[in-house]
N, C-alpha and C. Protein backbone atom coordinates (compact mmCIF):
# COMPACT_ATOMS: atom_id res chain seq x y z
N MET A 1 6.70 32.87 -3.50
CA MET A 1 7.58 31.95 -4.20
C MET A 1 8.33 31.08 -3.21
N ARG A 2 8.86 31.70 -2.17
CA ARG A 2 9.62 30.95 -1.19
C ARG A 2 8.74 29.96 -0.44
N SER A 3 7.50 30.35 -0.11
CA SER A 3 6.60 29.44 0.61
C SER A 3 6.20 28.26 -0.26
N THR A 4 6.04 28.48 -1.58
CA THR A 4 5.73 27.38 -2.49
C THR A 4 6.89 26.40 -2.53
N PHE A 5 8.10 26.91 -2.65
CA PHE A 5 9.28 26.05 -2.66
C PHE A 5 9.37 25.26 -1.36
N SER A 6 9.15 25.92 -0.24
CA SER A 6 9.21 25.26 1.07
C SER A 6 8.17 24.15 1.17
N ALA A 7 6.96 24.43 0.67
CA ALA A 7 5.89 23.43 0.72
C ALA A 7 6.24 22.21 -0.14
N VAL A 8 6.77 22.45 -1.33
CA VAL A 8 7.17 21.34 -2.21
C VAL A 8 8.30 20.54 -1.57
N LEU A 9 9.27 21.22 -1.02
CA LEU A 9 10.39 20.54 -0.37
C LEU A 9 9.91 19.71 0.81
N PHE A 10 9.03 20.28 1.64
CA PHE A 10 8.49 19.55 2.78
C PHE A 10 7.73 18.31 2.32
N GLY A 11 6.88 18.48 1.29
CA GLY A 11 6.11 17.34 0.77
C GLY A 11 7.00 16.23 0.26
N THR A 12 8.06 16.60 -0.45
CA THR A 12 8.99 15.61 -0.99
C THR A 12 9.72 14.89 0.14
N LEU A 13 10.20 15.63 1.12
CA LEU A 13 10.88 15.00 2.26
C LEU A 13 9.94 14.12 3.05
N PHE A 14 8.68 14.55 3.23
CA PHE A 14 7.71 13.75 3.99
C PHE A 14 7.44 12.43 3.26
N ALA A 15 7.23 12.50 1.94
CA ALA A 15 6.99 11.29 1.15
C ALA A 15 8.19 10.36 1.21
N PHE A 16 9.40 10.94 1.17
CA PHE A 16 10.62 10.13 1.24
C PHE A 16 10.72 9.42 2.59
N THR A 17 10.42 10.14 3.68
CA THR A 17 10.53 9.51 5.00
C THR A 17 9.47 8.44 5.18
N LEU A 18 8.31 8.60 4.53
CA LEU A 18 7.28 7.56 4.61
C LEU A 18 7.77 6.27 3.96
N SER A 19 8.60 6.40 2.94
CA SER A 19 9.06 5.22 2.22
C SER A 19 10.22 4.51 2.92
N LEU A 20 10.89 5.19 3.84
CA LEU A 20 12.01 4.56 4.55
C LEU A 20 11.51 3.41 5.41
N GLY A 21 12.10 2.29 5.30
CA GLY A 21 11.73 1.15 6.13
C GLY A 21 10.45 0.46 5.69
N ALA A 22 9.82 0.92 4.62
CA ALA A 22 8.59 0.31 4.16
C ALA A 22 8.90 -0.99 3.41
N ALA A 23 8.04 -1.97 3.59
CA ALA A 23 8.21 -3.25 2.92
C ALA A 23 7.60 -3.20 1.53
N GLN A 24 8.19 -3.95 0.63
CA GLN A 24 7.67 -4.07 -0.72
C GLN A 24 6.76 -5.29 -0.76
N TRP A 25 5.58 -5.17 -1.36
CA TRP A 25 4.64 -6.28 -1.52
C TRP A 25 4.50 -6.55 -3.01
N ILE A 26 4.67 -7.81 -3.40
CA ILE A 26 4.61 -8.17 -4.81
C ILE A 26 3.63 -9.31 -4.99
N SER A 27 2.75 -9.17 -5.97
CA SER A 27 1.84 -10.24 -6.36
C SER A 27 2.06 -10.52 -7.84
N LYS A 28 2.67 -11.64 -8.13
CA LYS A 28 2.88 -12.02 -9.53
C LYS A 28 1.56 -12.34 -10.21
N GLU A 29 0.60 -12.91 -9.45
CA GLU A 29 -0.72 -13.23 -10.01
C GLU A 29 -1.44 -11.96 -10.46
N ALA A 30 -1.38 -10.93 -9.64
CA ALA A 30 -2.04 -9.67 -9.97
C ALA A 30 -1.20 -8.82 -10.92
N GLY A 31 0.10 -9.06 -10.94
CA GLY A 31 0.99 -8.27 -11.77
C GLY A 31 1.25 -6.89 -11.18
N VAL A 32 1.40 -6.86 -9.84
CA VAL A 32 1.51 -5.58 -9.13
C VAL A 32 2.59 -5.66 -8.06
N SER A 33 3.24 -4.52 -7.86
CA SER A 33 4.17 -4.34 -6.76
C SER A 33 3.77 -3.05 -6.05
N LEU A 34 3.78 -3.08 -4.70
CA LEU A 34 3.39 -1.92 -3.89
C LEU A 34 4.35 -1.74 -2.73
N GLN A 35 4.53 -0.50 -2.32
CA GLN A 35 5.27 -0.18 -1.11
C GLN A 35 4.24 -0.12 0.02
N LEU A 36 4.39 -0.95 1.04
CA LEU A 36 3.43 -0.96 2.14
C LEU A 36 3.70 0.19 3.09
N PRO A 37 2.65 0.85 3.57
CA PRO A 37 2.83 1.97 4.49
C PRO A 37 3.58 1.56 5.76
N SER A 38 4.49 2.43 6.19
CA SER A 38 5.23 2.16 7.42
C SER A 38 5.00 3.27 8.46
N HIS A 39 4.09 4.17 8.16
CA HIS A 39 3.80 5.28 9.07
C HIS A 39 3.22 4.72 10.37
N PRO A 40 3.66 5.20 11.53
CA PRO A 40 3.21 4.65 12.81
C PRO A 40 1.71 4.82 13.09
N ASP A 41 1.06 5.75 12.41
CA ASP A 41 -0.38 5.94 12.62
C ASP A 41 -1.23 4.96 11.81
N TRP A 42 -0.59 4.17 10.96
CA TRP A 42 -1.29 3.22 10.09
C TRP A 42 -0.96 1.79 10.48
N VAL A 43 -1.95 0.91 10.42
CA VAL A 43 -1.76 -0.51 10.74
C VAL A 43 -2.36 -1.36 9.62
N GLN A 44 -1.77 -2.53 9.44
CA GLN A 44 -2.31 -3.45 8.45
C GLN A 44 -3.48 -4.20 9.07
N ILE A 45 -4.55 -4.30 8.31
CA ILE A 45 -5.75 -5.02 8.73
C ILE A 45 -5.71 -6.39 8.09
N LYS A 46 -6.05 -7.40 8.86
CA LYS A 46 -6.07 -8.75 8.31
C LYS A 46 -7.15 -8.82 7.23
N ALA A 47 -6.73 -9.17 6.04
CA ALA A 47 -7.66 -9.28 4.92
C ALA A 47 -8.20 -10.69 4.84
N GLU A 48 -9.46 -10.80 4.56
CA GLU A 48 -10.08 -12.11 4.38
C GLU A 48 -9.91 -12.51 2.92
N ASN A 49 -8.74 -13.07 2.63
CA ASN A 49 -8.45 -13.50 1.28
C ASN A 49 -9.03 -14.89 1.08
N GLY A 50 -9.88 -14.99 0.08
CA GLY A 50 -10.48 -16.28 -0.23
C GLY A 50 -9.93 -16.82 -1.52
N VAL A 51 -10.59 -17.83 -2.03
CA VAL A 51 -10.19 -18.40 -3.31
C VAL A 51 -10.37 -17.34 -4.39
N GLY A 52 -9.29 -17.05 -5.09
CA GLY A 52 -9.35 -16.09 -6.18
C GLY A 52 -9.42 -14.64 -5.75
N LEU A 53 -9.15 -14.35 -4.48
CA LEU A 53 -9.20 -12.98 -3.99
C LEU A 53 -7.94 -12.70 -3.18
N GLU A 54 -7.30 -11.61 -3.50
CA GLU A 54 -6.08 -11.22 -2.81
C GLU A 54 -6.22 -9.75 -2.43
N ARG A 55 -6.02 -9.43 -1.14
CA ARG A 55 -6.17 -8.04 -0.70
C ARG A 55 -5.07 -7.67 0.29
N VAL A 56 -4.72 -6.39 0.25
CA VAL A 56 -3.83 -5.79 1.22
C VAL A 56 -4.55 -4.55 1.72
N ILE A 57 -4.76 -4.47 3.04
CA ILE A 57 -5.54 -3.37 3.61
C ILE A 57 -4.76 -2.70 4.74
N PHE A 58 -4.72 -1.36 4.69
CA PHE A 58 -4.13 -0.57 5.76
C PHE A 58 -5.15 0.45 6.23
N GLN A 59 -5.14 0.71 7.54
CA GLN A 59 -6.10 1.64 8.13
C GLN A 59 -5.39 2.51 9.15
N ARG A 60 -5.81 3.78 9.23
CA ARG A 60 -5.30 4.64 10.29
C ARG A 60 -5.79 4.10 11.63
N GLN A 61 -4.97 4.18 12.64
CA GLN A 61 -5.35 3.66 13.95
C GLN A 61 -6.56 4.37 14.53
N ASP A 62 -6.79 5.62 14.13
CA ASP A 62 -7.98 6.34 14.62
C ASP A 62 -9.21 6.10 13.73
N ASN A 63 -9.11 5.17 12.80
CA ASN A 63 -10.20 4.75 11.90
C ASN A 63 -10.71 5.86 10.98
N THR A 64 -9.89 6.85 10.66
CA THR A 64 -10.35 7.95 9.83
C THR A 64 -9.98 7.79 8.35
N ALA A 65 -9.22 6.75 8.00
CA ALA A 65 -8.84 6.54 6.61
C ALA A 65 -8.45 5.09 6.40
N VAL A 66 -8.66 4.62 5.17
CA VAL A 66 -8.34 3.25 4.77
C VAL A 66 -7.81 3.29 3.34
N VAL A 67 -6.86 2.41 3.04
CA VAL A 67 -6.42 2.20 1.67
C VAL A 67 -6.23 0.70 1.47
N GLN A 68 -6.67 0.21 0.31
CA GLN A 68 -6.51 -1.23 0.06
C GLN A 68 -6.31 -1.49 -1.43
N PHE A 69 -5.58 -2.57 -1.69
CA PHE A 69 -5.43 -3.10 -3.04
C PHE A 69 -6.19 -4.42 -3.08
N THR A 70 -6.94 -4.64 -4.15
CA THR A 70 -7.68 -5.90 -4.31
C THR A 70 -7.46 -6.45 -5.71
N PHE A 71 -7.27 -7.75 -5.77
CA PHE A 71 -7.15 -8.48 -7.03
C PHE A 71 -8.15 -9.62 -6.99
N SER A 72 -8.95 -9.74 -8.04
CA SER A 72 -9.97 -10.79 -8.07
C SER A 72 -9.79 -11.68 -9.29
N GLU A 73 -9.60 -12.95 -9.03
CA GLU A 73 -9.55 -13.92 -10.12
C GLU A 73 -10.95 -14.41 -10.46
N THR A 74 -11.92 -14.15 -9.58
CA THR A 74 -13.27 -14.66 -9.79
C THR A 74 -14.16 -13.70 -10.57
N TYR A 75 -13.84 -12.39 -10.57
CA TYR A 75 -14.63 -11.44 -11.36
C TYR A 75 -14.36 -11.75 -12.82
N PRO A 76 -15.37 -11.70 -13.68
CA PRO A 76 -15.18 -12.09 -15.09
C PRO A 76 -14.04 -11.33 -15.77
N THR A 77 -13.28 -12.06 -16.58
CA THR A 77 -12.19 -11.43 -17.32
C THR A 77 -12.78 -10.57 -18.44
N ALA A 78 -11.97 -9.68 -18.93
CA ALA A 78 -12.39 -8.82 -20.03
C ALA A 78 -11.19 -8.52 -20.90
N GLN A 79 -11.46 -8.21 -22.14
CA GLN A 79 -10.40 -7.83 -23.07
C GLN A 79 -10.00 -6.38 -22.90
N LYS A 80 -10.99 -5.54 -22.49
CA LYS A 80 -10.69 -4.13 -22.31
C LYS A 80 -11.61 -3.53 -21.26
N LEU A 81 -11.12 -2.50 -20.65
CA LEU A 81 -11.88 -1.73 -19.67
C LEU A 81 -12.62 -0.65 -20.45
N ASP A 82 -13.92 -0.84 -20.63
CA ASP A 82 -14.70 0.11 -21.40
C ASP A 82 -15.96 0.50 -20.62
N ASP A 83 -16.81 1.34 -21.24
CA ASP A 83 -18.02 1.82 -20.57
C ASP A 83 -18.92 0.67 -20.12
N GLU A 84 -19.07 -0.32 -20.96
CA GLU A 84 -19.94 -1.46 -20.63
C GLU A 84 -19.43 -2.19 -19.39
N TYR A 85 -18.14 -2.47 -19.34
CA TYR A 85 -17.54 -3.16 -18.20
C TYR A 85 -17.72 -2.33 -16.93
N VAL A 86 -17.44 -1.03 -17.02
CA VAL A 86 -17.54 -0.15 -15.85
C VAL A 86 -18.99 -0.06 -15.36
N GLN A 87 -19.94 0.03 -16.27
CA GLN A 87 -21.35 0.10 -15.87
C GLN A 87 -21.78 -1.15 -15.12
N ARG A 88 -21.34 -2.32 -15.59
CA ARG A 88 -21.65 -3.57 -14.87
C ARG A 88 -21.03 -3.56 -13.49
N TRP A 89 -19.75 -3.12 -13.41
CA TRP A 89 -19.06 -3.08 -12.12
C TRP A 89 -19.75 -2.11 -11.17
N GLU A 90 -20.10 -0.90 -11.65
CA GLU A 90 -20.76 0.10 -10.80
C GLU A 90 -22.11 -0.41 -10.30
N LYS A 91 -22.85 -1.08 -11.15
CA LYS A 91 -24.16 -1.62 -10.74
C LYS A 91 -23.98 -2.58 -9.56
N GLN A 92 -22.99 -3.45 -9.65
CA GLN A 92 -22.70 -4.38 -8.56
C GLN A 92 -22.18 -3.64 -7.33
N HIS A 93 -21.30 -2.65 -7.54
CA HIS A 93 -20.72 -1.87 -6.45
C HIS A 93 -21.80 -1.16 -5.64
N TYR A 94 -22.72 -0.49 -6.32
CA TYR A 94 -23.74 0.28 -5.60
C TYR A 94 -24.86 -0.59 -5.04
N ARG A 95 -24.92 -1.83 -5.47
CA ARG A 95 -25.85 -2.77 -4.87
C ARG A 95 -25.41 -3.11 -3.44
N LYS A 96 -24.08 -3.05 -3.20
CA LYS A 96 -23.51 -3.40 -1.90
C LYS A 96 -23.31 -2.18 -1.01
N HIS A 97 -23.31 -0.96 -1.57
CA HIS A 97 -22.99 0.24 -0.81
C HIS A 97 -24.11 1.27 -0.93
N ASP A 98 -24.35 2.00 0.13
CA ASP A 98 -25.35 3.07 0.10
C ASP A 98 -24.67 4.41 -0.13
N ASP A 99 -23.78 4.46 -1.10
CA ASP A 99 -23.07 5.68 -1.44
C ASP A 99 -23.66 6.24 -2.73
N LYS A 100 -23.33 7.48 -3.01
CA LYS A 100 -23.75 8.06 -4.29
C LYS A 100 -22.50 8.46 -5.07
N LYS A 101 -22.60 8.28 -6.37
CA LYS A 101 -21.50 8.60 -7.27
C LYS A 101 -21.34 10.10 -7.38
N VAL A 102 -20.12 10.59 -7.19
CA VAL A 102 -19.80 12.00 -7.37
C VAL A 102 -19.24 12.21 -8.77
N SER A 103 -18.34 11.32 -9.17
CA SER A 103 -17.76 11.42 -10.51
C SER A 103 -17.16 10.08 -10.90
N GLY A 104 -16.97 9.90 -12.18
CA GLY A 104 -16.31 8.73 -12.73
C GLY A 104 -15.68 9.10 -14.04
N GLU A 105 -14.43 8.67 -14.23
CA GLU A 105 -13.74 9.02 -15.46
C GLU A 105 -12.64 8.01 -15.77
N PHE A 106 -12.40 7.85 -17.06
CA PHE A 106 -11.28 7.03 -17.47
C PHE A 106 -10.01 7.84 -17.33
N ILE A 107 -8.97 7.20 -16.82
CA ILE A 107 -7.68 7.85 -16.61
C ILE A 107 -6.58 6.93 -17.12
N THR A 108 -5.37 7.42 -17.13
CA THR A 108 -4.21 6.59 -17.42
C THR A 108 -3.46 6.38 -16.11
N LEU A 109 -3.30 5.13 -15.73
CA LEU A 109 -2.60 4.77 -14.50
C LEU A 109 -1.35 4.00 -14.87
N LYS A 110 -0.19 4.62 -14.63
CA LYS A 110 1.09 3.97 -14.92
C LYS A 110 1.13 3.46 -16.36
N GLY A 111 0.58 4.24 -17.28
CA GLY A 111 0.61 3.90 -18.70
C GLY A 111 -0.51 2.99 -19.15
N GLN A 112 -1.44 2.65 -18.28
CA GLN A 112 -2.51 1.72 -18.61
C GLN A 112 -3.87 2.37 -18.38
N ARG A 113 -4.84 2.01 -19.21
CA ARG A 113 -6.20 2.54 -19.07
C ARG A 113 -6.79 2.07 -17.73
N ALA A 114 -7.39 3.02 -17.03
CA ALA A 114 -8.01 2.73 -15.74
C ALA A 114 -9.27 3.58 -15.61
N TYR A 115 -10.05 3.30 -14.58
CA TYR A 115 -11.27 4.07 -14.31
C TYR A 115 -11.24 4.51 -12.86
N ARG A 116 -11.49 5.82 -12.64
CA ARG A 116 -11.50 6.36 -11.28
C ARG A 116 -12.93 6.76 -10.93
N LEU A 117 -13.40 6.20 -9.84
CA LEU A 117 -14.75 6.49 -9.33
C LEU A 117 -14.61 7.21 -8.00
N CYS A 118 -15.30 8.34 -7.85
CA CYS A 118 -15.35 9.05 -6.58
C CYS A 118 -16.78 8.99 -6.07
N ASP A 119 -16.94 8.64 -4.81
CA ASP A 119 -18.28 8.63 -4.24
C ASP A 119 -18.27 9.09 -2.80
N GLN A 120 -19.45 9.28 -2.27
CA GLN A 120 -19.61 9.74 -0.89
C GLN A 120 -20.89 9.14 -0.34
N PRO A 121 -21.04 9.14 0.99
CA PRO A 121 -22.25 8.58 1.59
C PRO A 121 -23.51 9.33 1.13
N ASN A 122 -24.58 8.62 1.11
CA ASN A 122 -25.86 9.18 0.73
C ASN A 122 -26.53 9.82 1.94
N ILE A 123 -25.74 10.43 2.82
CA ILE A 123 -26.22 11.00 4.07
C ILE A 123 -25.82 12.47 4.11
N GLU A 124 -26.77 13.35 4.37
CA GLU A 124 -26.51 14.78 4.44
C GLU A 124 -25.48 15.09 5.53
N GLY A 125 -24.50 15.92 5.20
CA GLY A 125 -23.52 16.36 6.18
C GLY A 125 -22.32 15.45 6.37
N GLN A 126 -22.33 14.26 5.78
CA GLN A 126 -21.18 13.35 5.89
C GLN A 126 -20.01 13.92 5.11
N LYS A 127 -18.82 13.85 5.68
CA LYS A 127 -17.63 14.38 5.03
C LYS A 127 -16.76 13.29 4.41
N ARG A 128 -17.09 12.03 4.62
CA ARG A 128 -16.29 10.93 4.09
C ARG A 128 -16.32 10.95 2.57
N ARG A 129 -15.17 10.73 1.98
CA ARG A 129 -15.04 10.62 0.53
C ARG A 129 -14.27 9.34 0.23
N SER A 130 -14.66 8.70 -0.86
CA SER A 130 -13.99 7.47 -1.28
C SER A 130 -13.61 7.57 -2.74
N ILE A 131 -12.56 6.85 -3.06
CA ILE A 131 -12.10 6.77 -4.44
C ILE A 131 -11.74 5.32 -4.73
N THR A 132 -12.14 4.85 -5.90
CA THR A 132 -11.78 3.51 -6.35
C THR A 132 -11.17 3.64 -7.74
N ILE A 133 -10.03 3.03 -7.93
CA ILE A 133 -9.39 3.02 -9.24
C ILE A 133 -9.34 1.58 -9.70
N LEU A 134 -9.93 1.32 -10.86
CA LEU A 134 -10.01 -0.03 -11.44
C LEU A 134 -9.11 -0.12 -12.67
N TRP A 135 -8.53 -1.28 -12.86
CA TRP A 135 -7.82 -1.57 -14.11
C TRP A 135 -7.79 -3.07 -14.29
N LEU A 136 -7.48 -3.49 -15.50
CA LEU A 136 -7.35 -4.91 -15.80
C LEU A 136 -5.88 -5.25 -15.90
N ASN A 137 -5.49 -6.36 -15.27
CA ASN A 137 -4.09 -6.77 -15.35
C ASN A 137 -3.82 -7.41 -16.71
N ASN A 138 -2.62 -7.95 -16.89
CA ASN A 138 -2.24 -8.54 -18.17
C ASN A 138 -3.07 -9.74 -18.58
N GLU A 139 -3.76 -10.34 -17.63
CA GLU A 139 -4.60 -11.51 -17.91
C GLU A 139 -6.07 -11.13 -18.04
N GLY A 140 -6.39 -9.83 -17.98
CA GLY A 140 -7.78 -9.38 -18.07
C GLY A 140 -8.53 -9.49 -16.76
N ARG A 141 -7.80 -9.65 -15.65
CA ARG A 141 -8.42 -9.76 -14.32
C ARG A 141 -8.52 -8.38 -13.67
N LEU A 142 -9.56 -8.20 -12.87
CA LEU A 142 -9.83 -6.92 -12.23
C LEU A 142 -8.90 -6.67 -11.05
N CYS A 143 -8.27 -5.50 -11.06
CA CYS A 143 -7.47 -5.01 -9.94
C CYS A 143 -8.05 -3.67 -9.52
N SER A 144 -7.91 -3.34 -8.24
CA SER A 144 -8.40 -2.03 -7.80
C SER A 144 -7.63 -1.54 -6.58
N VAL A 145 -7.61 -0.23 -6.46
CA VAL A 145 -7.16 0.43 -5.25
C VAL A 145 -8.36 1.21 -4.74
N PHE A 146 -8.70 1.00 -3.48
CA PHE A 146 -9.81 1.71 -2.85
C PHE A 146 -9.23 2.51 -1.70
N ALA A 147 -9.65 3.76 -1.58
CA ALA A 147 -9.21 4.59 -0.46
C ALA A 147 -10.39 5.42 0.02
N THR A 148 -10.47 5.58 1.33
CA THR A 148 -11.51 6.42 1.90
C THR A 148 -10.92 7.24 3.03
N ARG A 149 -11.47 8.42 3.20
CA ARG A 149 -11.00 9.32 4.24
C ARG A 149 -12.22 10.07 4.79
N TYR A 150 -12.28 10.21 6.09
CA TYR A 150 -13.46 10.80 6.71
C TYR A 150 -13.42 12.31 6.76
N GLU A 151 -12.35 12.92 6.37
CA GLU A 151 -12.28 14.38 6.35
C GLU A 151 -11.79 14.85 4.98
N GLY A 152 -12.49 14.48 3.93
CA GLY A 152 -12.17 15.01 2.62
C GLY A 152 -11.51 14.03 1.68
N ASP A 153 -10.90 14.57 0.65
CA ASP A 153 -10.31 13.81 -0.46
C ASP A 153 -9.23 12.85 0.03
N PRO A 154 -9.41 11.54 -0.21
CA PRO A 154 -8.40 10.57 0.23
C PRO A 154 -7.04 10.77 -0.42
N LEU A 155 -7.00 11.33 -1.62
CA LEU A 155 -5.72 11.50 -2.30
C LEU A 155 -4.89 12.63 -1.71
N LEU A 156 -5.46 13.39 -0.77
CA LEU A 156 -4.70 14.42 -0.07
C LEU A 156 -3.98 13.86 1.15
N ASP A 157 -4.29 12.63 1.53
CA ASP A 157 -3.60 11.99 2.64
C ASP A 157 -2.24 11.51 2.13
N PRO A 158 -1.13 11.91 2.78
CA PRO A 158 0.20 11.55 2.26
C PRO A 158 0.47 10.05 2.24
N VAL A 159 -0.08 9.28 3.17
CA VAL A 159 0.16 7.84 3.17
C VAL A 159 -0.60 7.17 2.03
N ILE A 160 -1.85 7.59 1.80
CA ILE A 160 -2.63 7.04 0.69
C ILE A 160 -1.96 7.41 -0.64
N LYS A 161 -1.54 8.65 -0.75
CA LYS A 161 -0.88 9.10 -1.99
C LYS A 161 0.41 8.31 -2.23
N ALA A 162 1.21 8.09 -1.18
CA ALA A 162 2.45 7.33 -1.32
C ALA A 162 2.16 5.88 -1.72
N PHE A 163 1.11 5.29 -1.16
CA PHE A 163 0.70 3.92 -1.50
C PHE A 163 0.38 3.83 -2.99
N LEU A 164 -0.42 4.77 -3.48
CA LEU A 164 -0.80 4.78 -4.89
C LEU A 164 0.39 5.10 -5.78
N ASP A 165 1.21 6.05 -5.38
CA ASP A 165 2.39 6.41 -6.18
C ASP A 165 3.38 5.25 -6.29
N SER A 166 3.42 4.39 -5.27
CA SER A 166 4.37 3.28 -5.28
C SER A 166 3.94 2.12 -6.17
N LEU A 167 2.69 2.14 -6.62
CA LEU A 167 2.15 1.07 -7.45
C LEU A 167 2.99 0.90 -8.71
N THR A 168 3.42 -0.32 -8.95
CA THR A 168 4.13 -0.65 -10.18
C THR A 168 3.40 -1.81 -10.83
N LEU A 169 3.06 -1.64 -12.12
CA LEU A 169 2.43 -2.71 -12.88
C LEU A 169 3.54 -3.54 -13.50
N LEU A 170 3.57 -4.81 -13.13
CA LEU A 170 4.63 -5.70 -13.57
C LEU A 170 4.34 -6.24 -14.96
N PRO A 171 5.39 -6.53 -15.72
CA PRO A 171 5.19 -7.12 -17.05
C PRO A 171 4.62 -8.51 -16.93
N ARG A 172 3.96 -8.95 -17.99
CA ARG A 172 3.35 -10.28 -18.01
C ARG A 172 4.43 -11.34 -17.80
N ALA A 173 4.15 -12.27 -16.90
CA ALA A 173 5.10 -13.35 -16.62
C ALA A 173 5.13 -14.32 -17.81
N PRO A 174 6.30 -14.78 -18.20
CA PRO A 174 6.37 -15.74 -19.30
C PRO A 174 5.72 -17.05 -18.91
N LYS A 175 5.09 -17.68 -19.90
CA LYS A 175 4.40 -18.96 -19.63
C LYS A 175 5.21 -20.12 -20.09
């Protein structure tokens, strides 16, 4: 009992210290607010943001983990995130990646319907795991958080978890 309490207390304090001094990133177009990682082992990678694409990418300095937020104005809009939409997205996703799907499921993210995809390399013995969470913003545009870690589940990394936990979906801006 005492060790469980100690572990929870340590985890809470660690997450709190990660948030100290972290910058807030807000995209009104995407309808998202995020706390940017401030951990010294993580660095921001210059994102190649093009027309209709907005990304924020952070990577561990030892290249063992990555987390990124992506918003696309060019991906077709949709009224709802359903099986048909996800199947089209996965078909395009796996056309670009040589990974295999481990699992996929609809989840609730901050009160909104989302889809979580877990995959891994199509190579025997590889330990890298990736997770992608998709959702549609208030305008029906695709948003996603992608995280990968070379030694197991990315959601067990405290910086990736804090990044995802800090996600706030903003209300629709008045027109």
